Amino acid sequence: MRASFPGTARLRSPAEFAPALKGRRLAKGALFVLSVAPSSQPRLGLVIGKRFAPLSVSRAALKRVAREAFRLRRAELPPGDYVLRLHARIPQCSLTTLKRQARQEIDGHLARAIKTYGSPPAPAHGKSAGSP
């Protein structure tokens, strides 16, 4: 199965973000907080502001890393609206180091979501187990 990240897997409007931001805070790390609210499918919202990442290059890199981590784990994630919010000022380091640190933390948060809520059921392939 190919991992994808279609537009339907993104939170876009403030009305879509609100329930997840008010929902359960699932994980908190050095840089990010992951909040989740019930939904029909796994969807991702990102809140990465200038307050904690003043350079646009840093903000864009963090968003790319978060989207890629989510894209690769989306099939394993239980349905829900996941909001990943930057809650601390990013450290003074190279962009490569920042991306590596962010990816490690985001992967940990998503793994915790899978562990806490369980993975979704495997899709049926149309053939029953006894069919040739």
N, C-alpha and C. Protein backbone atom coordinates (compact mmCIF):
# COMPACT_ATOMS: atom_id res chain seq x y z
N MET A 1 0.83 -1.17 0.00
CA MET A 1 0.00 0.00 0.00
C MET A 1 0.89 1.25 0.00
N ARG A 2 0.55 2.19 -0.82
CA ARG A 2 1.34 3.41 -0.94
C ARG A 2 0.87 4.43 0.09
N ALA A 3 1.82 5.03 0.80
CA ALA A 3 1.49 6.06 1.78
C ALA A 3 1.20 7.36 1.05
N SER A 4 0.10 8.00 1.40
CA SER A 4 -0.25 9.27 0.76
C SER A 4 -0.72 10.26 1.81
N PHE A 5 -0.87 11.50 1.39
CA PHE A 5 -1.34 12.55 2.29
C PHE A 5 -2.27 13.47 1.51
N PRO A 6 -3.49 12.99 1.22
CA PRO A 6 -4.42 13.79 0.43
C PRO A 6 -4.97 14.98 1.22
N GLY A 7 -5.63 15.87 0.54
CA GLY A 7 -6.21 17.04 1.19
C GLY A 7 -7.23 16.69 2.24
N THR A 8 -7.89 15.56 2.11
CA THR A 8 -8.89 15.15 3.10
C THR A 8 -8.26 14.72 4.42
N ALA A 9 -6.94 14.55 4.45
CA ALA A 9 -6.23 14.14 5.66
C ALA A 9 -5.62 15.33 6.38
N ARG A 10 -6.05 16.55 6.00
CA ARG A 10 -5.51 17.78 6.62
C ARG A 10 -6.60 18.56 7.30
N LEU A 11 -6.27 19.15 8.42
CA LEU A 11 -7.16 20.11 9.07
C LEU A 11 -6.84 21.47 8.47
N ARG A 12 -7.87 22.20 8.06
CA ARG A 12 -7.62 23.46 7.37
C ARG A 12 -8.22 24.68 8.07
N SER A 13 -9.44 24.59 8.50
CA SER A 13 -10.12 25.78 9.05
C SER A 13 -10.02 25.80 10.59
N PRO A 14 -10.17 26.99 11.16
CA PRO A 14 -10.17 27.08 12.63
C PRO A 14 -11.24 26.21 13.27
N ALA A 15 -12.37 26.05 12.60
CA ALA A 15 -13.44 25.20 13.14
C ALA A 15 -13.01 23.74 13.23
N GLU A 16 -12.13 23.31 12.34
CA GLU A 16 -11.63 21.93 12.39
C GLU A 16 -10.55 21.77 13.46
N PHE A 17 -9.78 22.82 13.70
CA PHE A 17 -8.70 22.77 14.69
C PHE A 17 -9.25 22.81 16.12
N ALA A 18 -10.32 23.57 16.35
CA ALA A 18 -10.81 23.84 17.71
C ALA A 18 -11.07 22.58 18.54
N PRO A 19 -11.82 21.60 18.05
CA PRO A 19 -12.08 20.42 18.89
C PRO A 19 -10.79 19.68 19.27
N ALA A 20 -9.85 19.59 18.34
CA ALA A 20 -8.61 18.87 18.64
C ALA A 20 -7.76 19.64 19.65
N LEU A 21 -7.72 20.96 19.54
CA LEU A 21 -6.94 21.75 20.50
C LEU A 21 -7.57 21.72 21.89
N LYS A 22 -8.89 21.57 21.95
CA LYS A 22 -9.56 21.46 23.25
C LYS A 22 -9.62 20.01 23.72
N GLY A 23 -9.29 19.08 22.83
CA GLY A 23 -9.36 17.66 23.14
C GLY A 23 -8.24 17.21 24.04
N ARG A 24 -8.04 15.92 24.06
CA ARG A 24 -7.05 15.31 24.95
C ARG A 24 -5.63 15.60 24.47
N ARG A 25 -4.80 16.06 25.40
CA ARG A 25 -3.38 16.22 25.08
C ARG A 25 -2.72 14.86 25.28
N LEU A 26 -2.28 14.30 24.17
CA LEU A 26 -1.79 12.93 24.18
C LEU A 26 -0.32 12.84 24.54
N ALA A 27 0.49 13.79 24.06
CA ALA A 27 1.92 13.71 24.30
C ALA A 27 2.52 15.11 24.30
N LYS A 28 3.55 15.29 25.11
CA LYS A 28 4.28 16.56 25.16
C LYS A 28 5.76 16.25 25.19
N GLY A 29 6.50 16.90 24.31
CA GLY A 29 7.94 16.69 24.25
C GLY A 29 8.66 18.01 24.38
N ALA A 30 9.93 18.02 24.01
CA ALA A 30 10.77 19.22 24.12
C ALA A 30 10.28 20.32 23.18
N LEU A 31 9.75 19.95 22.02
CA LEU A 31 9.31 20.94 21.04
C LEU A 31 7.81 20.95 20.80
N PHE A 32 7.18 19.78 20.76
CA PHE A 32 5.80 19.68 20.31
C PHE A 32 4.86 19.12 21.36
N VAL A 33 3.58 19.51 21.20
CA VAL A 33 2.48 18.93 21.96
C VAL A 33 1.53 18.32 20.93
N LEU A 34 1.10 17.08 21.17
CA LEU A 34 0.16 16.41 20.28
C LEU A 34 -1.18 16.30 20.99
N SER A 35 -2.21 16.91 20.38
CA SER A 35 -3.57 16.82 20.89
C SER A 35 -4.40 16.04 19.90
N VAL A 36 -5.45 15.39 20.41
CA VAL A 36 -6.28 14.56 19.55
C VAL A 36 -7.75 14.70 19.92
N ALA A 37 -8.61 14.62 18.91
CA ALA A 37 -10.05 14.62 19.10
C ALA A 37 -10.63 13.55 18.18
N PRO A 38 -11.78 12.98 18.52
CA PRO A 38 -12.37 11.93 17.68
C PRO A 38 -12.71 12.45 16.29
N SER A 39 -12.58 11.57 15.31
CA SER A 39 -12.88 11.90 13.92
C SER A 39 -13.11 10.60 13.16
N SER A 40 -13.53 10.72 11.91
CA SER A 40 -13.81 9.53 11.11
C SER A 40 -12.57 8.95 10.44
N GLN A 41 -11.51 9.75 10.33
CA GLN A 41 -10.26 9.30 9.72
C GLN A 41 -9.10 10.06 10.35
N PRO A 42 -7.88 9.56 10.24
CA PRO A 42 -6.74 10.31 10.77
C PRO A 42 -6.49 11.56 9.93
N ARG A 43 -6.50 12.72 10.59
CA ARG A 43 -6.22 13.99 9.91
C ARG A 43 -5.21 14.77 10.74
N LEU A 44 -4.38 15.56 10.07
CA LEU A 44 -3.31 16.29 10.75
C LEU A 44 -3.50 17.79 10.61
N GLY A 45 -3.27 18.48 11.71
CA GLY A 45 -3.22 19.94 11.72
C GLY A 45 -1.92 20.36 12.37
N LEU A 46 -1.31 21.43 11.85
CA LEU A 46 -0.04 21.92 12.38
C LEU A 46 -0.19 23.36 12.85
N VAL A 47 0.36 23.64 14.03
CA VAL A 47 0.41 25.00 14.54
C VAL A 47 1.88 25.28 14.85
N ILE A 48 2.52 25.98 13.92
CA ILE A 48 3.94 26.29 14.07
C ILE A 48 4.09 27.78 13.81
N GLY A 49 4.13 28.56 14.89
CA GLY A 49 4.10 30.01 14.76
C GLY A 49 5.46 30.68 14.84
N LYS A 50 5.43 31.95 14.50
CA LYS A 50 6.66 32.76 14.50
C LYS A 50 7.22 32.97 15.90
N ARG A 51 6.36 32.88 16.88
CA ARG A 51 6.81 33.12 18.26
C ARG A 51 7.94 32.17 18.66
N PHE A 52 7.81 30.90 18.27
CA PHE A 52 8.79 29.90 18.68
C PHE A 52 9.76 29.52 17.56
N ALA A 53 9.43 29.86 16.33
CA ALA A 53 10.32 29.59 15.18
C ALA A 53 10.31 30.83 14.30
N PRO A 54 11.14 31.83 14.63
CA PRO A 54 11.07 33.11 13.93
C PRO A 54 11.44 33.07 12.45
N LEU A 55 12.28 32.13 12.03
CA LEU A 55 12.70 32.07 10.63
C LEU A 55 11.73 31.21 9.82
N SER A 56 11.29 31.74 8.68
CA SER A 56 10.36 30.99 7.84
C SER A 56 10.96 29.68 7.34
N VAL A 57 12.25 29.65 7.15
CA VAL A 57 12.93 28.42 6.72
C VAL A 57 12.74 27.33 7.77
N SER A 58 12.87 27.69 9.02
CA SER A 58 12.70 26.72 10.11
C SER A 58 11.26 26.24 10.20
N ARG A 59 10.31 27.17 10.10
CA ARG A 59 8.89 26.79 10.15
C ARG A 59 8.54 25.84 9.02
N ALA A 60 8.98 26.17 7.82
CA ALA A 60 8.69 25.31 6.66
C ALA A 60 9.32 23.93 6.82
N ALA A 61 10.54 23.88 7.32
CA ALA A 61 11.21 22.59 7.51
C ALA A 61 10.47 21.74 8.55
N LEU A 62 10.04 22.35 9.65
CA LEU A 62 9.30 21.62 10.67
C LEU A 62 7.98 21.08 10.11
N LYS A 63 7.31 21.87 9.31
CA LYS A 63 6.05 21.41 8.71
C LYS A 63 6.29 20.25 7.75
N ARG A 64 7.32 20.33 6.94
CA ARG A 64 7.63 19.24 6.01
C ARG A 64 7.92 17.94 6.76
N VAL A 65 8.72 18.06 7.81
CA VAL A 65 9.08 16.88 8.61
C VAL A 65 7.83 16.28 9.25
N ALA A 66 6.96 17.13 9.80
CA ALA A 66 5.74 16.64 10.46
C ALA A 66 4.80 15.96 9.45
N ARG A 67 4.62 16.58 8.30
CA ARG A 67 3.75 15.99 7.28
C ARG A 67 4.28 14.64 6.80
N GLU A 68 5.58 14.55 6.60
CA GLU A 68 6.18 13.30 6.14
C GLU A 68 6.03 12.20 7.19
N ALA A 69 6.28 12.52 8.46
CA ALA A 69 6.13 11.53 9.53
C ALA A 69 4.68 11.05 9.60
N PHE A 70 3.74 11.98 9.50
CA PHE A 70 2.32 11.62 9.55
C PHE A 70 1.94 10.78 8.33
N ARG A 71 2.41 11.18 7.16
CA ARG A 71 2.10 10.47 5.92
C ARG A 71 2.51 8.99 6.01
N LEU A 72 3.68 8.75 6.55
CA LEU A 72 4.18 7.39 6.65
C LEU A 72 3.46 6.55 7.70
N ARG A 73 2.90 7.18 8.72
CA ARG A 73 2.22 6.45 9.81
C ARG A 73 0.70 6.51 9.71
N ARG A 74 0.17 7.23 8.73
CA ARG A 74 -1.27 7.48 8.66
C ARG A 74 -2.09 6.20 8.61
N ALA A 75 -1.63 5.19 7.89
CA ALA A 75 -2.37 3.92 7.79
C ALA A 75 -2.44 3.20 9.13
N GLU A 76 -1.46 3.41 10.00
CA GLU A 76 -1.43 2.75 11.31
C GLU A 76 -2.22 3.50 12.37
N LEU A 77 -2.43 4.80 12.16
CA LEU A 77 -3.06 5.63 13.17
C LEU A 77 -4.56 5.37 13.26
N PRO A 78 -5.08 5.37 14.49
CA PRO A 78 -6.52 5.26 14.64
C PRO A 78 -7.19 6.56 14.18
N PRO A 79 -8.46 6.53 13.80
CA PRO A 79 -9.14 7.74 13.36
C PRO A 79 -9.10 8.82 14.44
N GLY A 80 -8.86 10.05 14.02
CA GLY A 80 -8.82 11.17 14.94
C GLY A 80 -8.24 12.39 14.27
N ASP A 81 -8.54 13.55 14.83
CA ASP A 81 -7.94 14.79 14.38
C ASP A 81 -6.74 15.06 15.28
N TYR A 82 -5.55 15.01 14.70
CA TYR A 82 -4.31 15.19 15.43
C TYR A 82 -3.77 16.59 15.15
N VAL A 83 -3.52 17.35 16.21
CA VAL A 83 -2.92 18.67 16.06
C VAL A 83 -1.56 18.64 16.73
N LEU A 84 -0.56 18.96 15.95
CA LEU A 84 0.81 19.03 16.43
C LEU A 84 1.17 20.50 16.57
N ARG A 85 1.41 20.94 17.80
CA ARG A 85 1.66 22.35 18.08
C ARG A 85 3.06 22.54 18.64
N LEU A 86 3.80 23.48 18.04
CA LEU A 86 5.11 23.85 18.55
C LEU A 86 4.89 24.67 19.81
N HIS A 87 5.45 24.23 20.95
CA HIS A 87 5.17 24.93 22.21
C HIS A 87 6.43 25.52 22.86
N ALA A 88 7.58 25.34 22.24
CA ALA A 88 8.81 25.89 22.82
C ALA A 88 9.68 26.46 21.71
N ARG A 89 10.48 27.42 22.07
CA ARG A 89 11.38 28.04 21.10
C ARG A 89 12.37 26.99 20.59
N ILE A 90 12.59 26.98 19.28
CA ILE A 90 13.51 26.00 18.71
C ILE A 90 14.94 26.34 19.11
N PRO A 91 15.78 25.33 19.30
CA PRO A 91 17.16 25.59 19.72
C PRO A 91 18.00 26.17 18.58
N GLN A 92 19.06 26.86 18.95
CA GLN A 92 20.03 27.36 17.96
C GLN A 92 20.87 26.19 17.52
N CYS A 93 20.60 25.69 16.32
CA CYS A 93 21.35 24.56 15.78
C CYS A 93 21.18 24.57 14.27
N SER A 94 21.87 23.67 13.62
CA SER A 94 21.74 23.59 12.16
C SER A 94 20.34 23.08 11.80
N LEU A 95 19.93 23.37 10.59
CA LEU A 95 18.62 22.94 10.12
C LEU A 95 18.53 21.41 10.08
N THR A 96 19.62 20.78 9.72
CA THR A 96 19.66 19.31 9.68
C THR A 96 19.44 18.73 11.07
N THR A 97 20.10 19.30 12.05
CA THR A 97 19.94 18.84 13.43
C THR A 97 18.52 19.08 13.93
N LEU A 98 17.96 20.24 13.61
CA LEU A 98 16.59 20.57 14.00
C LEU A 98 15.60 19.57 13.39
N LYS A 99 15.75 19.29 12.11
CA LYS A 99 14.85 18.34 11.45
C LYS A 99 14.97 16.95 12.05
N ARG A 100 16.18 16.53 12.35
CA ARG A 100 16.39 15.21 12.95
C ARG A 100 15.73 15.13 14.33
N GLN A 101 15.92 16.18 15.13
CA GLN A 101 15.32 16.21 16.47
C GLN A 101 13.80 16.22 16.38
N ALA A 102 13.26 17.02 15.47
CA ALA A 102 11.81 17.11 15.31
C ALA A 102 11.23 15.77 14.86
N ARG A 103 11.88 15.13 13.90
CA ARG A 103 11.37 13.86 13.38
C ARG A 103 11.35 12.79 14.46
N GLN A 104 12.40 12.76 15.26
CA GLN A 104 12.47 11.77 16.34
C GLN A 104 11.33 11.99 17.34
N GLU A 105 11.10 13.25 17.69
CA GLU A 105 10.04 13.54 18.65
C GLU A 105 8.66 13.26 18.07
N ILE A 106 8.42 13.66 16.83
CA ILE A 106 7.12 13.44 16.20
C ILE A 106 6.84 11.95 16.04
N ASP A 107 7.84 11.19 15.63
CA ASP A 107 7.66 9.74 15.52
C ASP A 107 7.28 9.13 16.87
N GLY A 108 7.89 9.61 17.94
CA GLY A 108 7.54 9.14 19.28
C GLY A 108 6.11 9.47 19.66
N HIS A 109 5.68 10.69 19.34
CA HIS A 109 4.30 11.09 19.63
C HIS A 109 3.30 10.24 18.86
N LEU A 110 3.56 10.01 17.58
CA LEU A 110 2.64 9.20 16.77
C LEU A 110 2.63 7.75 17.23
N ALA A 111 3.78 7.23 17.63
CA ALA A 111 3.84 5.87 18.17
C ALA A 111 3.01 5.77 19.44
N ARG A 112 3.05 6.81 20.24
CA ARG A 112 2.25 6.81 21.47
C ARG A 112 0.76 6.83 21.14
N ALA A 113 0.38 7.56 20.11
CA ALA A 113 -1.03 7.60 19.69
C ALA A 113 -1.48 6.21 19.25
N ILE A 114 -0.63 5.52 18.50
CA ILE A 114 -0.96 4.17 18.05
C ILE A 114 -1.07 3.22 19.24
N LYS A 115 -0.14 3.34 20.18
CA LYS A 115 -0.14 2.48 21.36
C LYS A 115 -1.37 2.76 22.25
N THR A 116 -1.71 4.03 22.42
CA THR A 116 -2.81 4.41 23.30
C THR A 116 -4.16 4.01 22.72
N TYR A 117 -4.38 4.30 21.46
CA TYR A 117 -5.68 4.08 20.86
C TYR A 117 -5.76 2.82 20.02
N GLY A 118 -4.65 2.17 19.77
CA GLY A 118 -4.63 0.98 18.94
C GLY A 118 -4.67 1.33 17.47
N SER A 119 -4.21 0.41 16.64
CA SER A 119 -4.22 0.66 15.20
C SER A 119 -5.59 0.28 14.64
N PRO A 120 -5.95 0.86 13.50
CA PRO A 120 -7.26 0.55 12.90
C PRO A 120 -7.27 -0.89 12.38
N PRO A 121 -8.48 -1.45 12.17
CA PRO A 121 -8.55 -2.81 11.64
C PRO A 121 -7.99 -2.86 10.22
N ALA A 122 -7.43 -4.01 9.86
CA ALA A 122 -6.87 -4.19 8.51
C ALA A 122 -8.01 -4.20 7.49
N PRO A 123 -7.79 -3.60 6.32
CA PRO A 123 -8.85 -3.60 5.31
C PRO A 123 -9.08 -4.98 4.74
N ALA A 124 -10.34 -5.28 4.42
CA ALA A 124 -10.69 -6.56 3.82
C ALA A 124 -10.33 -6.52 2.33
N HIS A 125 -9.91 -7.66 1.80
CA HIS A 125 -9.47 -7.72 0.40
C HIS A 125 -10.52 -8.31 -0.53
N GLY A 126 -11.72 -8.52 -0.10
CA GLY A 126 -12.76 -9.02 -0.98
C GLY A 126 -12.85 -10.53 -1.03
N LYS A 127 -11.77 -11.25 -0.76
CA LYS A 127 -11.78 -12.70 -0.74
C LYS A 127 -11.83 -13.17 0.71
N SER A 128 -12.57 -14.20 0.93
CA SER A 128 -12.59 -14.76 2.28
C SER A 128 -11.39 -15.65 2.47
N ALA A 129 -11.13 -16.02 3.71
CA ALA A 129 -9.93 -16.79 4.02
C ALA A 129 -9.94 -18.16 3.36
N GLY A 130 -11.13 -18.74 3.13
CA GLY A 130 -11.20 -20.06 2.56
C GLY A 130 -11.25 -20.06 1.02
N SER A 131 -11.35 -18.91 0.38
CA SER A 131 -11.45 -18.86 -1.08
C SER A 131 -10.10 -19.11 -1.74
N PRO A 132 -10.08 -19.76 -2.91
CA PRO A 132 -8.81 -20.02 -3.59
C PRO A 132 -8.27 -18.81 -4.29
